Amino acid sequence: MTTVSRFRNIRSAHPYRVNIAAVKNLANRFVKTELVSSPRSPPSVFDDIFRLCALHCSTITHVCDHIASPDYPSLNTVHRKLVLLDVNSVVEVINSRLSDIVTHAKRLGFIPKKKKVDLAIDCTDLPYYGNPNTAGVVGGKSKKSTSWFYRFATICIVENGYRFPLRVLPVDQFRTSNMTGVVTELLDMASEHVSVRTLLMDRGFHSVKMFRTLKELGVSWLMPAKRTKRVSDAMTEMVESAEGREPMSRRIVVTGDDGNEEESVMLMVEWSEKKNRWLGWLSERKRNVKRYRKRWGIETKYRDVNRVRGWTTRKKWVVRMMMYGLGVLMNGVWEMYRRMVRRGSRMIVERVGRMGDVGVRRRWAEKMGQLRVMTAILQGTWSYQGGEGV
């Protein structure tokens, strides 16, 4: 297999080196589907093609024509086998692999076993240019010259120090109208590994049905206030009666779109020095709204997933799900790799000398924890021998 390096070698004289074989074993163990096979090629060969597609942020065509070895199946074979897969089977396998990653991370002590954690749920839209009647395509706010997207809902741990993806679900035309079902399903799957302390959501999940469902599930939640008429009127009254810029809170009743459903929630108003205006937040009870800052961890996840996600022009929903799911799996492996490097795990780093300066070791670990370094290792364009990058 031949690959063209797109990364500069990073030199370091510190007395540690990364165990390249261990990094590759992580990817081979968790970033796989074992769904596609042929009489001449086992599932591992097809999974290798999908991994290369994700690592190079390239298409299956480019991988088969320029990166994969001649012994690999042809492009037509890969596409023919891939489009015959069932979307639900792909989702089940991706979530099963994510479960394996989280279980392994808990075994290594990267995720607390009994402590409650903050979770974030969000949806990411991948632009789609084509027939809007295609299966899996949903409408949305215009972005990147289109109003049609493939949508994926993700739930992640967003604690400081560890931000592992837990589950991912595709959101099609039918699930878009029932986001409470999506949130319930994601929470149910996440509860297998962690206990929820606070669920962080954005305004897109604002609905009376959602608030009622979370109350029935006994889940604490927090989101920015959507400026409906009742919320705006309540915020105006609170701001006009405010003395200074101290945080304020009041319980209000929000109504559904039809005006028939009602639910009581806590409205919290705080002054933002950065935006120079009052901001509103909703929750089931009074809480510290600064906790919501953790939600940006899931935005970081989406950015990293896009950096290790293959792209395609194929309109088949299953192909898009496969590409995005493998990107999420690679992100889970990246998070585990980063935690291992920072902790100095023997599985990842090998000691070749004495380290006296803890600060130097921490700075080295941060540099070696960069996503592009792990990507280069998995691509085969990085080696680390004798304390220096070669």
Protein backbone atom coordinates (compact mmCIF):
# COMPACT_ATOMS: atom_id res chain seq x y z
CA MET A 1 0.00 0.00 0.00
CA THR A 2 1.34 3.39 -0.94
CA THR A 3 0.36 6.63 0.70
CA VAL A 4 1.47 10.18 0.09
CA SER A 5 2.40 12.11 3.22
CA ARG A 6 0.59 15.37 3.72
CA PHE A 7 2.00 16.04 7.16
CA ARG A 8 5.29 17.49 8.29
CA ASN A 9 7.34 15.41 10.66
CA ILE A 10 7.24 16.69 14.23
CA ARG A 11 10.59 16.42 15.99
CA SER A 12 10.93 15.99 19.72
CA ALA A 13 13.90 15.16 21.92
CA HIS A 14 11.79 14.08 24.91
CA PRO A 15 12.53 10.62 26.33
CA TYR A 16 9.19 9.08 25.32
CA ARG A 17 7.94 7.65 22.07
CA VAL A 18 4.53 6.57 20.83
CA ASN A 19 3.87 2.88 20.31
CA ILE A 20 2.71 3.00 16.70
CA ALA A 21 1.47 -0.57 16.70
CA ALA A 22 -0.76 0.14 19.71
CA VAL A 23 -2.36 3.12 17.95
CA LYS A 24 -3.09 1.03 14.87
CA ASN A 25 -4.49 -1.76 17.01
CA LEU A 26 -6.93 0.72 18.56
CA ALA A 27 -8.27 1.67 15.14
CA ASN A 28 -8.40 -1.92 13.87
CA ARG A 29 -10.22 -3.01 17.01
CA PHE A 30 -12.91 -0.34 17.19
CA VAL A 31 -13.20 1.32 13.74
CA LYS A 32 -14.76 -1.58 11.88
CA THR A 33 -18.17 -2.80 10.75
CA GLU A 34 -17.64 -6.36 9.44
CA LEU A 35 -20.80 -5.88 7.39
CA VAL A 36 -19.36 -6.13 3.88
CA SER A 37 -17.61 -9.14 2.42
CA SER A 38 -17.21 -11.00 -0.87
CA PRO A 39 -16.10 -14.51 -1.88
CA ARG A 40 -12.58 -13.18 -2.54
CA SER A 41 -12.24 -10.58 0.24
CA PRO A 42 -12.99 -10.89 3.98
CA PRO A 43 -14.77 -8.09 5.90
CA SER A 44 -11.45 -6.74 7.20
CA VAL A 45 -10.42 -5.76 3.67
CA PHE A 46 -13.55 -3.68 3.10
CA ASP A 47 -13.23 -2.12 6.56
CA ASP A 48 -9.65 -1.16 5.71
CA ILE A 49 -10.93 0.68 2.63
CA PHE A 50 -13.54 2.52 4.70
CA ARG A 51 -10.92 3.49 7.30
CA LEU A 52 -8.58 4.83 4.62
CA CYS A 53 -11.48 6.79 3.16
CA ALA A 54 -12.11 8.39 6.56
CA LEU A 55 -8.47 9.08 7.36
CA HIS A 56 -7.74 10.72 4.01
CA CYS A 57 -11.09 12.59 4.00
CA SER A 58 -11.45 11.21 0.51
CA THR A 59 -13.90 9.21 -1.57
CA ILE A 60 -14.09 5.44 -1.99
CA THR A 61 -13.19 5.97 -5.65
CA HIS A 62 -9.95 7.75 -4.76
CA VAL A 63 -9.01 5.12 -2.17
CA CYS A 64 -9.63 2.21 -4.53
CA ASP A 65 -7.80 3.87 -7.44
CA HIS A 66 -4.81 5.48 -5.73
CA ILE A 67 -4.30 4.24 -2.16
CA ALA A 68 -5.50 0.65 -1.81
CA SER A 69 -3.31 -2.19 -3.03
CA PRO A 70 -4.09 -4.16 -6.23
CA ASP A 71 -5.23 -7.09 -4.09
CA TYR A 72 -8.19 -5.09 -2.79
CA PRO A 73 -11.65 -5.43 -4.39
CA SER A 74 -12.55 -3.13 -7.26
CA LEU A 75 -14.53 0.08 -6.91
CA ASN A 76 -17.63 -1.47 -8.46
CA THR A 77 -17.52 -4.35 -6.00
CA VAL A 78 -17.25 -2.02 -3.00
CA HIS A 79 -20.12 0.18 -4.15
CA ARG A 80 -22.32 -2.76 -5.10
CA LYS A 81 -21.86 -4.39 -1.71
CA LEU A 82 -22.23 -1.14 0.20
CA VAL A 83 -25.54 0.02 -1.28
CA LEU A 84 -27.14 -3.34 -0.47
CA LEU A 85 -26.69 -2.78 3.27
CA ASP A 86 -29.60 -1.85 5.53
CA VAL A 87 -29.39 1.51 7.31
CA ASN A 88 -30.65 0.06 10.59
CA SER A 89 -27.93 -2.62 10.49
CA VAL A 90 -25.25 0.04 9.98
CA VAL A 91 -26.61 2.15 12.85
CA GLU A 92 -26.72 -0.88 15.14
CA VAL A 93 -23.10 -1.83 14.36
CA ILE A 94 -21.81 1.76 14.74
CA ASN A 95 -23.48 2.13 18.13
CA SER A 96 -22.22 -1.29 19.18
CA ARG A 97 -18.65 -0.21 18.41
CA LEU A 98 -19.18 3.06 20.29
CA SER A 99 -20.37 1.00 23.24
CA ASP A 100 -17.15 -1.05 23.05
CA ILE A 101 -15.08 2.16 23.07
CA VAL A 102 -16.89 3.54 26.13
CA THR A 103 -16.61 0.20 27.94
CA HIS A 104 -12.86 0.09 27.25
CA ALA A 105 -12.47 3.72 28.37
CA LYS A 106 -14.27 2.94 31.65
CA ARG A 107 -12.04 -0.08 32.17
CA LEU A 108 -8.99 2.18 31.79
CA GLY A 109 -10.45 4.72 34.20
CA PHE A 110 -11.03 7.50 31.65
CA ILE A 111 -14.76 7.63 32.45
CA PRO A 112 -15.96 7.47 36.06
CA LYS A 113 -18.05 4.38 36.72
CA LYS A 114 -20.41 5.78 39.38
CA LYS A 115 -20.14 9.54 39.07
CA LYS A 116 -22.92 11.36 37.21
CA VAL A 117 -21.81 13.24 34.10
CA ASP A 118 -23.13 16.07 31.93
CA LEU A 119 -24.38 14.99 28.52
CA ALA A 120 -25.10 17.03 25.40
CA ILE A 121 -27.48 16.19 22.58
CA ASP A 122 -27.33 17.97 19.26
CA CYS A 123 -28.04 17.46 15.58
CA THR A 124 -25.58 18.07 12.76
CA ASP A 125 -26.66 18.66 9.17
CA LEU A 126 -24.60 17.53 6.17
CA PRO A 127 -25.59 19.54 3.07
CA TYR A 128 -27.36 17.65 0.29
CA TYR A 129 -27.66 18.84 -3.31
CA GLY A 130 -30.15 16.79 -5.26
CA ASN A 131 -33.71 15.51 -5.26
CA PRO A 132 -35.27 16.41 -1.88
CA ASN A 133 -37.47 13.30 -2.10
CA THR A 134 -34.42 11.09 -1.55
CA ALA A 135 -34.72 8.79 1.46
CA GLY A 136 -33.17 10.24 4.60
CA VAL A 137 -33.10 13.86 3.36
CA VAL A 138 -34.76 16.46 5.61
CA GLY A 139 -35.41 20.16 5.23
CA GLY A 140 -33.87 22.89 7.34
CA LYS A 141 -32.61 26.43 7.51
CA SER A 142 -30.71 27.42 4.37
CA LYS A 143 -26.99 26.79 4.73
CA LYS A 144 -24.21 26.39 2.17
CA SER A 145 -26.58 27.13 -0.72
CA THR A 146 -29.07 24.40 0.15
CA SER A 147 -32.07 23.81 2.38
CA TRP A 148 -31.81 20.00 2.34
CA PHE A 149 -29.60 17.89 4.56
CA TYR A 150 -28.72 14.50 5.95
CA ARG A 151 -29.23 14.93 9.69
CA PHE A 152 -27.59 12.97 12.51
CA ALA A 153 -28.36 13.24 16.23
CA THR A 154 -25.52 12.56 18.66
CA ILE A 155 -25.23 12.29 22.42
CA CYS A 156 -21.82 12.87 24.02
CA ILE A 157 -20.18 13.18 27.40
CA VAL A 158 -19.05 16.79 27.75
CA GLU A 159 -17.18 16.71 31.05
CA ASN A 160 -13.88 18.54 31.27
CA GLY A 161 -11.08 16.17 30.37
CA TYR A 162 -13.14 13.49 28.64
CA ARG A 163 -15.66 13.98 25.85
CA PHE A 164 -16.60 10.60 24.49
CA PRO A 165 -19.35 10.11 21.88
CA LEU A 166 -21.91 7.64 23.20
CA ARG A 167 -24.49 7.12 20.46
CA VAL A 168 -25.48 8.41 17.02
CA LEU A 169 -28.82 8.17 15.23
CA PRO A 170 -29.88 9.25 11.74
CA VAL A 171 -32.82 11.63 11.71
CA ASP A 172 -35.03 11.09 8.68
CA GLN A 173 -38.31 12.66 7.60
CA PHE A 174 -40.29 10.67 10.14
CA ARG A 175 -38.00 11.23 13.14
CA THR A 176 -37.81 14.99 12.50
CA SER A 177 -41.44 15.36 13.57
CA ASN A 178 -40.79 13.33 16.74
CA MET A 179 -37.58 14.63 18.28
CA THR A 180 -38.78 13.54 21.72
CA GLY A 181 -38.53 9.96 20.49
CA VAL A 182 -34.96 10.58 19.27
CA VAL A 183 -33.92 12.12 22.60
CA THR A 184 -35.59 9.30 24.55
CA GLU A 185 -33.84 6.67 22.46
CA LEU A 186 -30.44 8.34 22.82
CA LEU A 187 -30.86 8.70 26.59
CA ASP A 188 -31.95 5.11 26.90
CA MET A 189 -28.84 3.89 25.08
CA ALA A 190 -26.53 6.26 26.98
CA SER A 191 -27.93 5.08 30.34
CA GLU A 192 -26.24 1.72 29.73
CA HIS A 193 -22.88 3.35 30.52
CA VAL A 194 -23.37 6.62 32.42
CA SER A 195 -25.81 8.38 34.73
CA VAL A 196 -27.09 11.78 33.62
CA ARG A 197 -26.44 14.78 35.81
CA THR A 198 -27.60 17.48 33.37
CA LEU A 199 -28.70 17.18 29.75
CA LEU A 200 -27.57 20.19 27.70
CA MET A 201 -29.59 21.07 24.59
CA ASP A 202 -29.96 23.99 22.20
CA ARG A 203 -33.10 25.92 21.25
CA GLY A 204 -33.94 23.44 18.50
CA PHE A 205 -35.28 21.05 21.16
CA HIS A 206 -37.65 23.63 22.68
CA SER A 207 -41.14 22.14 22.92
CA VAL A 208 -43.70 21.47 25.63
CA LYS A 209 -43.73 17.80 24.66
CA MET A 210 -39.96 17.64 25.16
CA PHE A 211 -40.14 19.27 28.61
CA ARG A 212 -42.89 16.89 29.67
CA THR A 213 -41.00 13.84 28.40
CA LEU A 214 -37.81 14.81 30.26
CA LYS A 215 -39.85 15.38 33.41
CA GLU A 216 -41.37 11.90 33.13
CA LEU A 217 -37.88 10.42 32.60
CA GLY A 218 -36.55 12.29 35.65
CA VAL A 219 -33.76 13.93 33.64
CA SER A 220 -32.37 17.34 34.61
CA TRP A 221 -31.87 19.63 31.63
CA LEU A 222 -30.74 23.10 30.58
CA MET A 223 -31.12 25.08 27.34
CA PRO A 224 -31.10 28.71 26.11
CA ALA A 225 -34.55 30.26 26.18
CA LYS A 226 -36.39 30.45 22.88
CA ARG A 227 -37.90 33.92 22.56
CA THR A 228 -41.56 33.00 22.41
CA LYS A 229 -44.12 35.63 23.38
CA ARG A 230 -44.51 34.34 26.95
CA VAL A 231 -40.77 34.04 27.48
CA SER A 232 -40.10 37.50 26.01
CA ASP A 233 -42.80 39.12 28.13
CA ALA A 234 -41.50 37.42 31.29
CA MET A 235 -37.91 38.47 30.54
CA THR A 236 -39.02 42.06 29.92
CA GLU A 237 -40.83 42.21 33.27
CA MET A 238 -37.82 40.74 35.09
CA VAL A 239 -35.34 43.11 33.45
CA GLU A 240 -37.48 46.20 34.11
CA SER A 241 -37.76 45.33 37.79
CA ALA A 242 -34.09 44.37 38.13
CA GLU A 243 -31.82 46.21 40.53
CA GLY A 244 -28.36 46.12 39.06
CA ARG A 245 -27.26 43.15 37.00
CA GLU A 246 -27.72 40.30 39.42
CA PRO A 247 -29.05 36.97 38.06
CA MET A 248 -32.81 36.49 38.36
CA SER A 249 -35.16 33.55 38.07
CA ARG A 250 -38.90 32.97 37.86
CA ARG A 251 -41.14 29.99 37.20
CA ILE A 252 -43.30 30.48 34.10
CA VAL A 253 -45.73 28.43 32.05
CA VAL A 254 -44.88 27.79 28.39
CA THR A 255 -47.42 26.69 25.82
CA GLY A 256 -47.20 24.50 22.74
CA ASP A 257 -47.62 25.64 19.15
CA ASP A 258 -51.32 24.77 19.21
CA GLY A 259 -51.84 26.65 22.47
CA ASN A 260 -53.43 23.65 24.20
CA GLU A 261 -50.42 22.09 25.92
CA GLU A 262 -48.77 23.82 28.88
CA GLU A 263 -45.79 23.04 31.07
CA SER A 264 -44.15 24.84 33.99
CA VAL A 265 -40.43 25.60 33.65
CA MET A 266 -37.85 27.79 35.36
CA LEU A 267 -36.74 30.91 33.50
CA MET A 268 -33.32 32.26 34.49
CA VAL A 269 -32.00 35.61 33.28
CA GLU A 270 -28.36 36.71 33.50
CA TRP A 271 -26.41 39.65 32.16
CA SER A 272 -23.74 38.81 29.60
CA GLU A 273 -20.70 41.09 29.63
CA LYS A 274 -19.48 39.57 26.38
CA LYS A 275 -22.72 40.18 24.45
CA ASN A 276 -23.70 43.25 26.48
CA ARG A 277 -27.30 42.12 26.92
CA TRP A 278 -29.57 39.95 29.06
CA LEU A 279 -29.73 36.26 28.21
CA GLY A 280 -32.45 33.81 29.16
CA TRP A 281 -32.23 30.12 30.05
CA LEU A 282 -34.80 27.41 30.67
CA SER A 283 -34.57 24.43 33.00
CA GLU A 284 -36.75 22.26 35.20
CA ARG A 285 -35.37 24.06 38.28
CA LYS A 286 -32.99 26.86 39.23
CA ARG A 287 -29.37 26.03 38.42
CA ASN A 288 -26.02 27.56 37.48
CA VAL A 289 -26.28 28.45 33.79
CA LYS A 290 -22.49 28.50 33.41
CA ARG A 291 -22.73 24.73 33.15
CA TYR A 292 -24.07 25.26 29.62
CA ARG A 293 -20.58 26.22 28.46
CA LYS A 294 -19.75 22.52 28.46
CA ARG A 295 -22.14 22.01 25.55
CA TRP A 296 -19.54 23.43 23.19
CA GLY A 297 -17.74 20.13 23.69
CA ILE A 298 -20.18 18.50 21.29
CA GLU A 299 -19.48 21.20 18.71
CA THR A 300 -15.80 20.31 19.03
CA LYS A 301 -16.78 16.70 18.40
CA TYR A 302 -18.53 17.62 15.16
CA ARG A 303 -15.47 19.54 14.00
CA ASP A 304 -13.17 16.59 14.69
CA VAL A 305 -15.58 14.15 13.05
CA ASN A 306 -15.55 16.24 9.87
CA ARG A 307 -11.74 16.10 9.88
CA VAL A 308 -11.77 12.29 9.76
CA ARG A 309 -14.87 11.66 7.67
CA GLY A 310 -14.90 10.36 4.15
CA TRP A 311 -17.12 12.17 1.69
CA THR A 312 -19.21 10.94 -1.18
CA THR A 313 -21.63 12.12 -3.85
CA ARG A 314 -23.64 8.91 -3.63
CA LYS A 315 -27.30 9.58 -2.83
CA LYS A 316 -27.83 6.34 -0.95
CA TRP A 317 -28.67 7.03 2.69
CA VAL A 318 -26.75 3.97 3.86
CA VAL A 319 -23.53 5.26 2.28
CA ARG A 320 -23.85 8.61 4.05
CA MET A 321 -24.57 6.85 7.34
CA MET A 322 -21.53 4.61 6.92
CA MET A 323 -19.22 7.56 6.25
CA TYR A 324 -20.50 9.61 9.16
CA GLY A 325 -20.58 6.64 11.54
CA LEU A 326 -16.96 5.75 10.82
CA GLY A 327 -15.99 9.37 11.47
CA VAL A 328 -17.68 9.19 14.89
CA LEU A 329 -15.86 5.92 15.64
CA MET A 330 -12.54 7.47 14.66
CA ASN A 331 -13.33 10.37 16.96
CA GLY A 332 -13.92 7.94 19.82
CA VAL A 333 -10.55 6.31 19.16
CA TRP A 334 -8.94 9.75 19.00
CA GLU A 335 -10.37 10.65 22.41
CA MET A 336 -9.04 7.43 23.91
CA TYR A 337 -5.64 7.96 22.29
CA ARG A 338 -5.47 11.52 23.64
CA ARG A 339 -6.32 10.39 27.16
CA MET A 340 -3.73 7.59 27.00
CA VAL A 341 -1.01 9.98 25.88
CA ARG A 342 -1.78 12.53 28.57
CA ARG A 343 -1.80 9.86 31.25
CA GLY A 344 1.37 8.26 29.92
CA SER A 345 -0.31 4.89 29.40
CA ARG A 346 2.15 2.06 28.75
CA MET A 347 -0.15 0.83 26.00
CA ILE A 348 0.57 3.95 23.94
CA VAL A 349 3.88 5.48 25.07
CA GLU A 350 7.19 3.73 25.67
CA ARG A 351 9.70 5.15 28.11
CA VAL A 352 13.22 5.47 26.75
CA GLY A 353 14.76 7.67 29.45
CA ARG A 354 14.06 9.67 32.61
CA MET A 355 11.66 12.58 32.70
CA GLY A 356 12.42 15.08 35.43
CA ASP A 357 10.35 18.06 34.34
CA VAL A 358 6.64 17.29 34.67
CA GLY A 359 5.75 20.46 32.77
CA VAL A 360 7.85 19.37 29.79
CA ARG A 361 6.13 16.00 29.80
CA ARG A 362 2.71 17.66 29.85
CA ARG A 363 3.59 19.94 26.94
CA TRP A 364 4.95 16.98 24.98
CA ALA A 365 1.79 15.01 25.67
CA GLU A 366 -0.35 17.88 24.41
CA LYS A 367 1.66 18.02 21.19
CA MET A 368 1.53 14.27 20.68
CA GLY A 369 -2.20 14.33 21.40
CA GLN A 370 -3.00 16.32 18.27
CA LEU A 371 -5.49 14.69 15.95
CA ARG A 372 -3.26 15.12 12.90
CA VAL A 373 -0.51 13.13 14.59
CA MET A 374 -2.83 10.19 15.24
CA THR A 375 -4.15 10.46 11.69
CA ALA A 376 -0.62 10.40 10.29
CA ILE A 377 0.20 7.33 12.38
CA LEU A 378 -2.84 5.46 11.08
CA GLN A 379 -2.08 6.52 7.52
CA GLY A 380 1.40 5.09 7.82
CA THR A 381 3.12 8.44 7.25
CA TRP A 382 4.40 8.85 10.82
CA SER A 383 7.00 7.00 12.82
CA TYR A 384 8.43 7.82 16.24
CA GLN A 385 11.70 6.15 17.09
CA GLY A 386 14.36 7.05 19.64
CA GLY A 387 12.54 10.17 20.77
CA GLU A 388 12.39 11.81 17.33
CA GLY A 389 9.88 11.85 14.50
CA VAL A 390 11.27 10.25 11.37
